[in-house]
N, C-alpha and C. Protein backbone atom coordinates (compact mmCIF):
# COMPACT_ATOMS: atom_id res chain seq x y z
N MET A 1 -0.23 1.68 -10.67
CA MET A 1 -0.84 1.21 -9.17
C MET A 1 -1.52 0.99 -9.90
N ARG A 2 -2.16 -0.53 -10.64
CA ARG A 2 -2.14 -1.71 -10.89
C ARG A 2 -1.38 -2.60 -10.46
N ARG A 3 -0.06 -2.48 -10.30
CA ARG A 3 1.27 -3.25 -10.28
C ARG A 3 1.41 -3.48 -7.97
N THR A 4 0.87 -1.78 -8.48
CA THR A 4 2.24 -1.86 -6.79
C THR A 4 1.39 -1.50 -5.75
N GLY A 5 0.24 -1.25 -6.10
CA GLY A 5 -1.18 -0.48 -5.29
C GLY A 5 -0.85 0.94 -5.11
N THR A 6 -1.42 1.59 -3.95
CA THR A 6 -0.94 2.87 -3.53
C THR A 6 0.78 2.71 -3.25
N GLU A 7 1.03 2.17 -2.73
CA GLU A 7 1.92 2.43 -1.61
C GLU A 7 3.17 2.62 -2.68
N GLY A 8 3.14 2.13 -4.07
CA GLY A 8 3.77 2.00 -4.68
C GLY A 8 4.97 3.57 -5.45
N ILE A 9 4.21 4.90 -5.23
CA ILE A 9 4.25 5.58 -5.86
C ILE A 9 5.44 6.57 -3.82
N GLU A 10 5.03 5.81 -3.03
CA GLU A 10 5.87 6.26 -2.18
C GLU A 10 7.38 5.39 -1.86
N THR A 11 6.92 5.13 -2.37
CA THR A 11 8.54 3.32 -2.76
C THR A 11 9.30 4.23 -3.48
N ILE A 12 8.80 4.87 -4.89
CA ILE A 12 9.79 5.58 -5.42
C ILE A 12 9.75 6.33 -5.10
N MET A 13 8.88 7.86 -4.68
CA MET A 13 9.36 8.92 -4.25
C MET A 13 10.74 8.94 -3.23
N TRP A 14 10.73 7.88 -2.40
CA TRP A 14 11.54 7.56 -1.55
C TRP A 14 13.32 7.26 -2.09
N LEU A 15 12.69 6.50 -2.94
CA LEU A 15 13.94 5.98 -3.86
C LEU A 15 14.91 6.98 -4.42
N VAL A 16 13.94 7.93 -5.05
CA VAL A 16 14.42 9.20 -5.54
C VAL A 16 15.30 10.01 -5.02
N MET A 17 14.23 10.30 -3.89
CA MET A 17 14.94 11.23 -2.86
C MET A 17 16.69 10.54 -2.44
N ARG A 18 16.53 9.72 -1.73
CA ARG A 18 18.02 8.72 -1.21
C ARG A 18 19.16 9.22 -2.65
N GLY A 19 18.27 8.27 -4.02
CA GLY A 19 19.23 8.60 -5.02
C GLY A 19 19.97 10.30 -5.08
N ALA A 20 19.22 11.20 -5.19
CA ALA A 20 19.36 12.36 -5.11
C ALA A 20 20.51 13.36 -3.70
N LEU A 21 20.50 12.03 -2.55
CA LEU A 21 21.73 12.82 -1.17
C LEU A 21 23.39 11.99 -2.51
N GLN A 22 24.16 12.63 -0.92
CA GLN A 22 25.31 12.05 -1.87
C GLN A 22 25.35 10.32 -0.62
N ASP A 23 26.71 9.59 -0.96
CA ASP A 23 26.70 8.64 -0.38
C ASP A 23 26.77 8.87 1.17
N ASN A 24 27.56 9.51 1.60
CA ASN A 24 28.05 9.88 3.28
C ASN A 24 26.97 10.99 3.85
N VAL A 25 25.42 10.53 4.35
CA VAL A 25 24.69 11.03 4.37
C VAL A 25 24.69 10.86 6.17
N LYS A 26 23.86 11.72 7.28
CA LYS A 26 23.78 11.43 8.43
C LYS A 26 22.99 11.87 8.71
N VAL A 27 21.98 10.62 9.34
CA VAL A 27 21.04 10.08 10.20
C VAL A 27 20.73 10.96 11.16
N VAL A 28 19.81 11.89 10.67
CA VAL A 28 19.27 13.11 12.30
C VAL A 28 18.47 12.60 13.05
N HIS A 29 17.55 12.21 12.48
CA HIS A 29 16.24 10.93 13.43
C HIS A 29 15.41 9.93 12.48
N LYS A 30 14.85 8.93 13.16
CA LYS A 30 14.35 8.31 12.66
C LYS A 30 13.63 7.43 13.72
N HIS A 31 12.50 6.92 14.02
CA HIS A 31 11.01 6.99 14.16
C HIS A 31 10.61 5.67 13.25
N TYR A 32 9.90 5.22 14.00
CA TYR A 32 8.96 3.58 13.51
C TYR A 32 7.84 3.20 14.41
N HIS A 33 6.63 3.81 14.26
CA HIS A 33 5.11 3.53 15.38
C HIS A 33 4.85 2.69 14.18
N ALA A 34 4.10 1.47 15.65
CA ALA A 34 3.27 0.39 14.71
C ALA A 34 2.19 0.40 15.72
N PRO A 35 0.91 1.25 15.62
CA PRO A 35 0.45 1.09 16.25
C PRO A 35 -0.82 0.31 15.86
N ILE A 36 -1.72 -0.24 17.48
CA ILE A 36 -1.95 -1.92 16.98
C ILE A 36 -3.47 -2.39 16.34
N SER A 37 -3.87 -0.55 15.84
CA SER A 37 -5.21 -0.48 14.81
C SER A 37 -4.67 -0.17 13.70
N ASN A 38 -3.67 0.37 13.30
CA ASN A 38 -3.25 0.64 11.65
C ASN A 38 -2.43 0.72 11.64
N THR A 39 -1.54 0.95 10.23
CA THR A 39 -0.28 0.41 9.19
C THR A 39 0.43 1.50 9.96
N GLY A 40 1.47 0.83 10.20
CA GLY A 40 2.47 1.17 10.78
C GLY A 40 2.90 2.55 10.34
N ALA A 41 4.03 3.17 10.67
CA ALA A 41 4.25 4.39 9.57
C ALA A 41 5.80 5.43 10.47
N GLY A 42 6.41 5.46 9.53
CA GLY A 42 8.21 6.18 9.45
C GLY A 42 8.61 7.09 9.41
N VAL A 43 8.99 7.56 10.21
CA VAL A 43 9.87 8.92 9.76
C VAL A 43 11.66 8.92 9.88
N LEU A 44 12.43 8.98 8.71
CA LEU A 44 13.56 9.61 8.76
C LEU A 44 13.71 10.30 8.64
N VAL A 45 14.93 10.97 8.97
CA VAL A 45 15.30 12.49 8.64
C VAL A 45 16.98 12.77 8.05
N LEU A 46 16.88 12.34 6.72
CA LEU A 46 18.77 12.90 6.78
C LEU A 46 19.35 14.22 6.26
N GLU A 47 20.55 14.27 6.71
CA GLU A 47 21.32 14.95 6.49
C GLU A 47 22.03 14.96 5.70
N ASN A 48 22.30 15.72 4.16
CA ASN A 48 23.86 15.57 3.30
C ASN A 48 24.83 16.14 3.62
N THR A 49 25.48 15.63 4.37
CA THR A 49 27.18 16.09 4.46
C THR A 49 28.09 16.22 3.44
N PHE A 50 28.34 17.96 3.58
CA PHE A 50 29.11 17.99 2.73
C PHE A 50 31.06 17.72 3.14
N ILE A 51 31.54 17.31 1.93
CA ILE A 51 33.19 17.26 2.59
C ILE A 51 33.82 18.29 1.56
């Protein structure tokens, strides 16, 4: 928390999640909303595609 702030753990969790998936993932849904009065928020839904 001292080095990355409160968003640091969120970044680490995204990297861990993506590392757990295979290389060939399908983007099911993505959305980013940046309201004028708040910090932006994003949603990314990925699906593992098995060969």
